[in-house]
């Protein structure tokens, strides 16, 4: 049975002083995660706030275990790239 996993990452970018600063951080994170993990990723909320971002990463796999491994690797990679700016991560499954 195919599995669709969604990882939601909430960022608080304290050092951003403008939307341009925020976009620089978010774009770099999105590109790195997309390239390293072959996932779909997009900013889904807080578009007009310059110190917050909500990003969703999605993967589809033939089994749930593999999808979970991918999303856990994405979370780990995101945490290593943005450090304390990652304030929350939540994994969900679409059946």
PDB file of N, CA and C in Angstrom:
ATOM      1  N   UNK A   1       0.840  -1.179   0.000  1.00  0.00           N
ATOM      2  CA  UNK A   1       0.000   0.000   0.000  1.00  0.00           C
ATOM      3  C   UNK A   1       0.888   1.246   0.000  1.00  0.00           C
ATOM      4  N   UNK A   2       0.707   2.156  -0.935  1.00  0.00           N
ATOM      5  CA  UNK A   2       1.514   3.376  -0.967  1.00  0.00           C
ATOM      6  C   UNK A   2       1.278   4.244   0.272  1.00  0.00           C
ATOM      7  N   UNK A   3       2.315   4.976   0.649  1.00  0.00           N
ATOM      8  CA  UNK A   3       2.238   5.867   1.804  1.00  0.00           C
ATOM      9  C   UNK A   3       2.601   7.280   1.370  1.00  0.00           C
ATOM     10  N   UNK A   4       1.819   8.234   1.855  1.00  0.00           N
ATOM     11  CA  UNK A   4       2.099   9.647   1.601  1.00  0.00           C
ATOM     12  C   UNK A   4       2.339  10.290   2.963  1.00  0.00           C
ATOM     13  N   UNK A   5       3.537  10.813   3.146  1.00  0.00           N
ATOM     14  CA  UNK A   5       3.897  11.448   4.408  1.00  0.00           C
ATOM     15  C   UNK A   5       4.110  12.935   4.225  1.00  0.00           C
ATOM     16  N   UNK A   6       3.652  13.701   5.205  1.00  0.00           N
ATOM     17  CA  UNK A   6       3.803  15.157   5.190  1.00  0.00           C
ATOM     18  C   UNK A   6       4.541  15.574   6.460  1.00  0.00           C
ATOM     19  N   UNK A   7       5.627  16.283   6.289  1.00  0.00           N
ATOM     20  CA  UNK A   7       6.389  16.818   7.413  1.00  0.00           C
ATOM     21  C   UNK A   7       6.228  18.333   7.398  1.00  0.00           C
ATOM     22  N   UNK A   8       5.717  18.879   8.489  1.00  0.00           N
ATOM     23  CA  UNK A   8       5.536  20.318   8.611  1.00  0.00           C
ATOM     24  C   UNK A   8       6.617  20.867   9.530  1.00  0.00           C
ATOM     25  N   UNK A   9       7.350  21.867   9.036  1.00  0.00           N
ATOM     26  CA  UNK A   9       8.446  22.478   9.783  1.00  0.00           C
ATOM     27  C   UNK A   9       8.093  23.932  10.060  1.00  0.00           C
ATOM     28  N   UNK A  10       8.084  24.311  11.333  1.00  0.00           N
ATOM     29  CA  UNK A  10       7.831  25.698  11.693  1.00  0.00           C
ATOM     30  C   UNK A  10       9.151  26.359  12.067  1.00  0.00           C
ATOM     31  N   UNK A  11       9.427  27.482  11.433  1.00  0.00           N
ATOM     32  CA  UNK A  11      10.673  28.197  11.663  1.00  0.00           C
ATOM     33  C   UNK A  11      10.389  29.551  12.295  1.00  0.00           C
ATOM     34  N   UNK A  12      11.248  29.945  13.216  1.00  0.00           N
ATOM     35  CA  UNK A  12      11.253  31.303  13.758  1.00  0.00           C
ATOM     36  C   UNK A  12      12.652  31.830  13.469  1.00  0.00           C
ATOM     37  N   UNK A  13      12.726  32.769  12.554  1.00  0.00           N
ATOM     38  CA  UNK A  13      13.999  33.269  12.055  1.00  0.00           C
ATOM     39  C   UNK A  13      14.280  34.617  12.730  1.00  0.00           C
ATOM     40  N   UNK A  14      14.844  34.559  13.922  1.00  0.00           N
ATOM     41  CA  UNK A  14      15.046  35.746  14.750  1.00  0.00           C
ATOM     42  C   UNK A  14      15.972  36.770  14.098  1.00  0.00           C
ATOM     43  N   UNK A  15      16.952  36.319  13.347  1.00  0.00           N
ATOM     44  CA  UNK A  15      17.925  37.242  12.759  1.00  0.00           C
ATOM     45  C   UNK A  15      17.434  37.916  11.480  1.00  0.00           C
ATOM     46  N   UNK A  16      16.255  37.550  10.991  1.00  0.00           N
ATOM     47  CA  UNK A  16      15.707  38.182   9.783  1.00  0.00           C
ATOM     48  C   UNK A  16      15.137  39.553  10.135  1.00  0.00           C
ATOM     49  N   UNK A  17      15.529  40.543   9.359  1.00  0.00           N
ATOM     50  CA  UNK A  17      15.045  41.902   9.590  1.00  0.00           C
ATOM     51  C   UNK A  17      14.181  42.404   8.442  1.00  0.00           C
ATOM     52  N   UNK A  18      13.917  41.515   7.476  1.00  0.00           N
ATOM     53  CA  UNK A  18      13.077  41.873   6.335  1.00  0.00           C
ATOM     54  C   UNK A  18      12.583  40.588   5.676  1.00  0.00           C
ATOM     55  N   UNK A  19      11.614  40.726   4.783  1.00  0.00           N
ATOM     56  CA  UNK A  19      11.146  39.565   4.016  1.00  0.00           C
ATOM     57  C   UNK A  19      12.267  39.015   3.143  1.00  0.00           C
ATOM     58  N   UNK A  20      13.154  39.894   2.684  1.00  0.00           N
ATOM     59  CA  UNK A  20      14.287  39.446   1.869  1.00  0.00           C
ATOM     60  C   UNK A  20      15.199  38.519   2.680  1.00  0.00           C
ATOM     61  N   UNK A  21      15.479  38.863   3.931  1.00  0.00           N
ATOM     62  CA  UNK A  21      16.283  37.994   4.804  1.00  0.00           C
ATOM     63  C   UNK A  21      15.599  36.644   4.993  1.00  0.00           C
ATOM     64  N   UNK A  22      14.299  36.691   5.241  1.00  0.00           N
ATOM     65  CA  UNK A  22      13.541  35.452   5.446  1.00  0.00           C
ATOM     66  C   UNK A  22      13.572  34.590   4.189  1.00  0.00           C
ATOM     67  N   UNK A  23      13.315  35.212   3.029  1.00  0.00           N
ATOM     68  CA  UNK A  23      13.296  34.450   1.776  1.00  0.00           C
ATOM     69  C   UNK A  23      14.637  33.784   1.509  1.00  0.00           C
ATOM     70  N   UNK A  24      15.719  34.460   1.873  1.00  0.00           N
ATOM     71  CA  UNK A  24      17.052  33.887   1.682  1.00  0.00           C
ATOM     72  C   UNK A  24      17.201  32.587   2.481  1.00  0.00           C
ATOM     73  N   UNK A  25      16.781  32.608   3.732  1.00  0.00           N
ATOM     74  CA  UNK A  25      16.866  31.416   4.589  1.00  0.00           C
ATOM     75  C   UNK A  25      15.944  30.319   4.074  1.00  0.00           C
ATOM     76  N   UNK A  26      14.692  30.661   3.802  1.00  0.00           N
ATOM     77  CA  UNK A  26      13.698  29.665   3.395  1.00  0.00           C
ATOM     78  C   UNK A  26      14.060  29.056   2.042  1.00  0.00           C
ATOM     79  N   UNK A  27      14.466  29.887   1.089  1.00  0.00           N
ATOM     80  CA  UNK A  27      14.822  29.375  -0.234  1.00  0.00           C
ATOM     81  C   UNK A  27      16.016  28.425  -0.154  1.00  0.00           C
ATOM     82  N   UNK A  28      17.031  28.804   0.612  1.00  0.00           N
ATOM     83  CA  UNK A  28      18.192  27.932   0.760  1.00  0.00           C
ATOM     84  C   UNK A  28      17.830  26.597   1.383  1.00  0.00           C
ATOM     85  N   UNK A  29      16.980  26.633   2.405  1.00  0.00           N
ATOM     86  CA  UNK A  29      16.542  25.397   3.058  1.00  0.00           C
ATOM     87  C   UNK A  29      15.743  24.535   2.096  1.00  0.00           C
ATOM     88  N   UNK A  30      14.785  25.141   1.390  1.00  0.00           N
ATOM     89  CA  UNK A  30      13.955  24.380   0.442  1.00  0.00           C
ATOM     90  C   UNK A  30      14.805  23.715  -0.632  1.00  0.00           C
ATOM     91  N   UNK A  31      15.726  24.459  -1.219  1.00  0.00           N
ATOM     92  CA  UNK A  31      16.563  23.904  -2.281  1.00  0.00           C
ATOM     93  C   UNK A  31      17.427  22.754  -1.782  1.00  0.00           C
ATOM     94  N   UNK A  32      18.027  22.939  -0.620  1.00  0.00           N
ATOM     95  CA  UNK A  32      18.890  21.880  -0.087  1.00  0.00           C
ATOM     96  C   UNK A  32      18.090  20.608   0.193  1.00  0.00           C
ATOM     97  N   UNK A  33      16.937  20.754   0.853  1.00  0.00           N
ATOM     98  CA  UNK A  33      16.138  19.575   1.190  1.00  0.00           C
ATOM     99  C   UNK A  33      15.601  18.890  -0.064  1.00  0.00           C
ATOM    100  N   UNK A  34      15.139  19.665  -1.036  1.00  0.00           N
ATOM    101  CA  UNK A  34      14.612  19.091  -2.278  1.00  0.00           C
ATOM    102  C   UNK A  34      15.703  18.308  -3.013  1.00  0.00           C
ATOM    103  N   UNK A  35      16.880  18.889  -3.109  1.00  0.00           N
ATOM    104  CA  UNK A  35      17.971  18.246  -3.838  1.00  0.00           C
ATOM    105  C   UNK A  35      18.515  17.016  -3.135  1.00  0.00           C
ATOM    106  N   UNK A  36      18.603  17.062  -1.817  1.00  0.00           N
ATOM    107  CA  UNK A  36      19.199  15.940  -1.080  1.00  0.00           C
ATOM    108  C   UNK A  36      18.246  14.784  -0.842  1.00  0.00           C
ATOM    109  N   UNK A  37      16.935  15.060  -0.774  1.00  0.00           N
ATOM    110  CA  UNK A  37      15.994  14.022  -0.353  1.00  0.00           C
ATOM    111  C   UNK A  37      14.914  13.690  -1.375  1.00  0.00           C
ATOM    112  N   UNK A  38      14.917  14.344  -2.530  1.00  0.00           N
ATOM    113  CA  UNK A  38      13.943  14.075  -3.584  1.00  0.00           C
ATOM    114  C   UNK A  38      12.506  14.144  -3.053  1.00  0.00           C
ATOM    115  N   UNK A  39      12.163  15.296  -2.481  1.00  0.00           N
ATOM    116  CA  UNK A  39      10.840  15.521  -1.906  1.00  0.00           C
ATOM    117  C   UNK A  39      10.200  16.720  -2.584  1.00  0.00           C
ATOM    118  N   UNK A  40       8.914  16.886  -2.384  1.00  0.00           N
ATOM    119  CA  UNK A  40       8.226  18.115  -2.758  1.00  0.00           C
ATOM    120  C   UNK A  40       8.170  18.980  -1.511  1.00  0.00           C
ATOM    121  N   UNK A  41       8.429  20.279  -1.674  1.00  0.00           N
ATOM    122  CA  UNK A  41       8.491  21.152  -0.506  1.00  0.00           C
ATOM    123  C   UNK A  41       8.018  22.549  -0.882  1.00  0.00           C
ATOM    124  N   UNK A  42       7.278  23.177   0.040  1.00  0.00           N
ATOM    125  CA  UNK A  42       6.757  24.521  -0.208  1.00  0.00           C
ATOM    126  C   UNK A  42       6.513  25.240   1.104  1.00  0.00           C
ATOM    127  N   UNK A  43       6.606  26.566   1.057  1.00  0.00           N
ATOM    128  CA  UNK A  43       6.205  27.384   2.201  1.00  0.00           C
ATOM    129  C   UNK A  43       4.686  27.486   2.152  1.00  0.00           C
ATOM    130  N   UNK A  44       4.011  27.144   3.255  1.00  0.00           N
ATOM    131  CA  UNK A  44       2.552  27.068   3.226  1.00  0.00           C
ATOM    132  C   UNK A  44       1.849  28.095   4.107  1.00  0.00           C
ATOM    133  N   UNK A  45       2.587  28.839   4.919  1.00  0.00           N
ATOM    134  CA  UNK A  45       1.937  29.839   5.762  1.00  0.00           C
ATOM    135  C   UNK A  45       2.956  30.891   6.200  1.00  0.00           C
ATOM    136  N   UNK A  46       2.446  31.980   6.763  1.00  0.00           N
ATOM    137  CA  UNK A  46       3.233  33.104   7.272  1.00  0.00           C
ATOM    138  C   UNK A  46       4.020  33.797   6.158  1.00  0.00           C
ATOM    139  N   UNK A  47       3.443  33.904   4.975  1.00  0.00           N
ATOM    140  CA  UNK A  47       4.134  34.489   3.828  1.00  0.00           C
ATOM    141  C   UNK A  47       4.543  35.944   4.055  1.00  0.00           C
ATOM    142  N   UNK A  48       3.747  36.691   4.795  1.00  0.00           N
ATOM    143  CA  UNK A  48       4.019  38.117   4.971  1.00  0.00           C
ATOM    144  C   UNK A  48       4.707  38.452   6.296  1.00  0.00           C
ATOM    145  N   UNK A  49       5.017  37.452   7.095  1.00  0.00           N
ATOM    146  CA  UNK A  49       5.737  37.687   8.352  1.00  0.00           C
ATOM    147  C   UNK A  49       7.218  37.417   8.120  1.00  0.00           C
ATOM    148  N   UNK A  50       8.065  38.339   8.504  1.00  0.00           N
ATOM    149  CA  UNK A  50       9.474  38.198   8.158  1.00  0.00           C
ATOM    150  C   UNK A  50      10.300  37.408   9.163  1.00  0.00           C
ATOM    151  N   UNK A  51       9.709  36.963  10.263  1.00  0.00           N
ATOM    152  CA  UNK A  51      10.467  36.130  11.192  1.00  0.00           C
ATOM    153  C   UNK A  51       9.837  34.754  11.409  1.00  0.00           C
ATOM    154  N   UNK A  52       8.819  34.403  10.651  1.00  0.00           N
ATOM    155  CA  UNK A  52       8.183  33.092  10.791  1.00  0.00           C
ATOM    156  C   UNK A  52       7.967  32.467   9.429  1.00  0.00           C
ATOM    157  N   UNK A  53       7.993  31.138   9.405  1.00  0.00           N
ATOM    158  CA  UNK A  53       7.709  30.410   8.180  1.00  0.00           C
ATOM    159  C   UNK A  53       7.170  29.033   8.548  1.00  0.00           C
ATOM    160  N   UNK A  54       6.259  28.546   7.738  1.00  0.00           N
ATOM    161  CA  UNK A  54       5.744  27.192   7.885  1.00  0.00           C
ATOM    162  C   UNK A  54       5.968  26.496   6.553  1.00  0.00           C
ATOM    163  N   UNK A  55       6.723  25.425   6.591  1.00  0.00           N
ATOM    164  CA  UNK A  55       7.135  24.705   5.388  1.00  0.00           C
ATOM    165  C   UNK A  55       6.610  23.275   5.463  1.00  0.00           C
ATOM    166  N   UNK A  56       6.091  22.781   4.345  1.00  0.00           N
ATOM    167  CA  UNK A  56       5.628  21.398   4.285  1.00  0.00           C
ATOM    168  C   UNK A  56       6.474  20.629   3.269  1.00  0.00           C
ATOM    169  N   UNK A  57       6.943  19.458   3.691  1.00  0.00           N
ATOM    170  CA  UNK A  57       7.687  18.547   2.823  1.00  0.00           C
ATOM    171  C   UNK A  57       6.860  17.281   2.662  1.00  0.00           C
ATOM    172  N   UNK A  58       6.747  16.795   1.436  1.00  0.00           N
ATOM    173  CA  UNK A  58       5.903  15.640   1.153  1.00  0.00           C
ATOM    174  C   UNK A  58       6.709  14.584   0.409  1.00  0.00           C
ATOM    175  N   UNK A  59       6.496  13.332   0.795  1.00  0.00           N
ATOM    176  CA  UNK A  59       7.104  12.224   0.074  1.00  0.00           C
ATOM    177  C   UNK A  59       6.063  11.125  -0.137  1.00  0.00           C
ATOM    178  N   UNK A  60       6.234  10.392  -1.215  1.00  0.00           N
ATOM    179  CA  UNK A  60       5.384   9.251  -1.536  1.00  0.00           C
ATOM    180  C   UNK A  60       6.290   8.050  -1.684  1.00  0.00           C
ATOM    181  N   UNK A  61       5.901   6.944  -1.071  1.00  0.00           N
ATOM    182  CA  UNK A  61       6.718   5.740  -1.117  1.00  0.00           C
ATOM    183  C   UNK A  61       5.822   4.516  -1.200  1.00  0.00           C
ATOM    184  N   UNK A  62       6.424   3.415  -1.569  1.00  0.00           N
ATOM    185  CA  UNK A  62       5.654   2.170  -1.664  1.00  0.00           C
ATOM    186  C   UNK A  62       5.297   1.616  -0.289  1.00  0.00           C
ATOM    187  N   UNK A  63       6.027   2.043   0.756  1.00  0.00           N
ATOM    188  CA  UNK A  63       5.672   1.601   2.106  1.00  0.00           C
ATOM    189  C   UNK A  63       5.924   2.726   3.110  1.00  0.00           C
ATOM    190  N   UNK A  64       5.224   2.658   4.214  1.00  0.00           N
ATOM    191  CA  UNK A  64       5.265   3.715   5.230  1.00  0.00           C
ATOM    192  C   UNK A  64       6.627   3.814   5.908  1.00  0.00           C
ATOM    193  N   UNK A  65       7.294   2.708   6.119  1.00  0.00           N
ATOM    194  CA  UNK A  65       8.595   2.730   6.781  1.00  0.00           C
ATOM    195  C   UNK A  65       9.598   3.555   5.983  1.00  0.00           C
ATOM    196  N   UNK A  66       9.641   3.337   4.681  1.00  0.00           N
ATOM    197  CA  UNK A  66      10.576   4.098   3.834  1.00  0.00           C
ATOM    198  C   UNK A  66      10.222   5.582   3.836  1.00  0.00           C
ATOM    199  N   UNK A  67       8.937   5.915   3.737  1.00  0.00           N
ATOM    200  CA  UNK A  67       8.513   7.318   3.768  1.00  0.00           C
ATOM    201  C   UNK A  67       8.895   7.963   5.098  1.00  0.00           C
ATOM    202  N   UNK A  68       8.725   7.246   6.192  1.00  0.00           N
ATOM    203  CA  UNK A  68       9.087   7.770   7.513  1.00  0.00           C
ATOM    204  C   UNK A  68      10.590   8.019   7.597  1.00  0.00           C
ATOM    205  N   UNK A  69      11.393   7.113   7.058  1.00  0.00           N
ATOM    206  CA  UNK A  69      12.839   7.289   7.068  1.00  0.00           C
ATOM    207  C   UNK A  69      13.250   8.540   6.297  1.00  0.00           C
ATOM    208  N   UNK A  70      12.615   8.761   5.162  1.00  0.00           N
ATOM    209  CA  UNK A  70      12.918   9.948   4.357  1.00  0.00           C
ATOM    210  C   UNK A  70      12.572  11.214   5.132  1.00  0.00           C
ATOM    211  N   UNK A  71      11.371  11.265   5.717  1.00  0.00           N
ATOM    212  CA  UNK A  71      10.946  12.471   6.428  1.00  0.00           C
ATOM    213  C   UNK A  71      11.765  12.713   7.691  1.00  0.00           C
ATOM    214  N   UNK A  72      12.190  11.657   8.364  1.00  0.00           N
ATOM    215  CA  UNK A  72      13.063  11.829   9.524  1.00  0.00           C
ATOM    216  C   UNK A  72      14.420  12.396   9.094  1.00  0.00           C
ATOM    217  N   UNK A  73      14.920  11.938   7.948  1.00  0.00           N
ATOM    218  CA  UNK A  73      16.178  12.475   7.422  1.00  0.00           C
ATOM    219  C   UNK A  73      16.018  13.941   7.036  1.00  0.00           C
ATOM    220  N   UNK A  74      14.875  14.297   6.472  1.00  0.00           N
ATOM    221  CA  UNK A  74      14.594  15.693   6.124  1.00  0.00           C
ATOM    222  C   UNK A  74      14.586  16.553   7.388  1.00  0.00           C
ATOM    223  N   UNK A  75      13.911  16.086   8.428  1.00  0.00           N
ATOM    224  CA  UNK A  75      13.859  16.834   9.685  1.00  0.00           C
ATOM    225  C   UNK A  75      15.251  17.022  10.274  1.00  0.00           C
ATOM    226  N   UNK A  76      16.033  15.973  10.277  1.00  0.00           N
ATOM    227  CA  UNK A  76      17.394  16.040  10.819  1.00  0.00           C
ATOM    228  C   UNK A  76      18.244  17.030  10.016  1.00  0.00           C
ATOM    229  N   UNK A  77      18.145  16.958   8.702  1.00  0.00           N
ATOM    230  CA  UNK A  77      18.908  17.846   7.831  1.00  0.00           C
ATOM    231  C   UNK A  77      18.473  19.301   8.025  1.00  0.00           C
ATOM    232  N   UNK A  78      17.175  19.528   8.146  1.00  0.00           N
ATOM    233  CA  UNK A  78      16.660  20.887   8.373  1.00  0.00           C
ATOM    234  C   UNK A  78      17.170  21.432   9.706  1.00  0.00           C
ATOM    235  N   UNK A  79      17.137  20.607  10.737  1.00  0.00           N
ATOM    236  CA  UNK A  79      17.611  21.030  12.050  1.00  0.00           C
ATOM    237  C   UNK A  79      19.097  21.361  12.017  1.00  0.00           C
ATOM    238  N   UNK A  80      19.871  20.597  11.275  1.00  0.00           N
ATOM    239  CA  UNK A  80      21.305  20.878  11.203  1.00  0.00           C
ATOM    240  C   UNK A  80      21.581  22.140  10.398  1.00  0.00           C
ATOM    241  N   UNK A  81      20.716  22.477   9.450  1.00  0.00           N
ATOM    242  CA  UNK A  81      20.946  23.666   8.635  1.00  0.00           C
ATOM    243  C   UNK A  81      20.482  24.947   9.333  1.00  0.00           C
ATOM    244  N   UNK A  82      19.321  24.919   9.980  1.00  0.00           N
ATOM    245  CA  UNK A  82      18.784  26.153  10.569  1.00  0.00           C
ATOM    246  C   UNK A  82      18.914  26.202  12.087  1.00  0.00           C
ATOM    247  N   UNK A  83      19.357  25.122  12.702  1.00  0.00           N
ATOM    248  CA  UNK A  83      19.611  25.110  14.144  1.00  0.00           C
ATOM    249  C   UNK A  83      18.379  25.433  14.963  1.00  0.00           C
ATOM    250  N   UNK A  84      18.533  26.395  15.877  1.00  0.00           N
ATOM    251  CA  UNK A  84      17.464  26.760  16.792  1.00  0.00           C
ATOM    252  C   UNK A  84      16.288  27.460  16.132  1.00  0.00           C
ATOM    253  N   UNK A  85      16.403  27.805  14.861  1.00  0.00           N
ATOM    254  CA  UNK A  85      15.281  28.430  14.155  1.00  0.00           C
ATOM    255  C   UNK A  85      14.138  27.449  13.927  1.00  0.00           C
ATOM    256  N   UNK A  86      14.424  26.154  13.961  1.00  0.00           N
ATOM    257  CA  UNK A  86      13.385  25.138  13.812  1.00  0.00           C
ATOM    258  C   UNK A  86      12.717  24.948  15.169  1.00  0.00           C
ATOM    259  N   UNK A  87      11.492  25.437  15.296  1.00  0.00           N
ATOM    260  CA  UNK A  87      10.821  25.399  16.592  1.00  0.00           C
ATOM    261  C   UNK A  87       9.811  24.260  16.712  1.00  0.00           C
ATOM    262  N   UNK A  88       9.394  23.690  15.584  1.00  0.00           N
ATOM    263  CA  UNK A  88       8.431  22.594  15.650  1.00  0.00           C
ATOM    264  C   UNK A  88       8.492  21.781  14.368  1.00  0.00           C
ATOM    265  N   UNK A  89       8.316  20.484  14.510  1.00  0.00           N
ATOM    266  CA  UNK A  89       8.229  19.584  13.364  1.00  0.00           C
ATOM    267  C   UNK A  89       7.137  18.573  13.658  1.00  0.00           C
ATOM    268  N   UNK A  90       6.283  18.339  12.669  1.00  0.00           N
ATOM    269  CA  UNK A  90       5.167  17.413  12.863  1.00  0.00           C
ATOM    270  C   UNK A  90       5.005  16.549  11.617  1.00  0.00           C
ATOM    271  N   UNK A  91       4.899  15.251  11.815  1.00  0.00           N
ATOM    272  CA  UNK A  91       4.722  14.321  10.715  1.00  0.00           C
ATOM    273  C   UNK A  91       3.280  13.827  10.690  1.00  0.00           C
ATOM    274  N   UNK A  92       2.692  13.780   9.487  1.00  0.00           N
ATOM    275  CA  UNK A  92       1.319  13.307   9.306  1.00  0.00           C
ATOM    276  C   UNK A  92       1.291  12.337   8.124  1.00  0.00           C
ATOM    277  N   UNK A  93       0.256  11.527   8.104  1.00  0.00           N
ATOM    278  CA  UNK A  93       0.097  10.514   7.044  1.00  0.00           C
ATOM    279  C   UNK A  93      -1.242  10.689   6.340  1.00  0.00           C
ATOM    280  N   UNK A  94      -1.200  10.573   5.039  1.00  0.00           N
ATOM    281  CA  UNK A  94      -2.408  10.613   4.227  1.00  0.00           C
ATOM    282  C   UNK A  94      -2.677   9.194   3.760  1.00  0.00           C
ATOM    283  N   UNK A  95      -3.818   8.684   4.132  1.00  0.00           N
ATOM    284  CA  UNK A  95      -4.163   7.290   3.802  1.00  0.00           C
ATOM    285  C   UNK A  95      -4.987   7.231   2.544  1.00  0.00           C
TER     286      UNK A  95
END
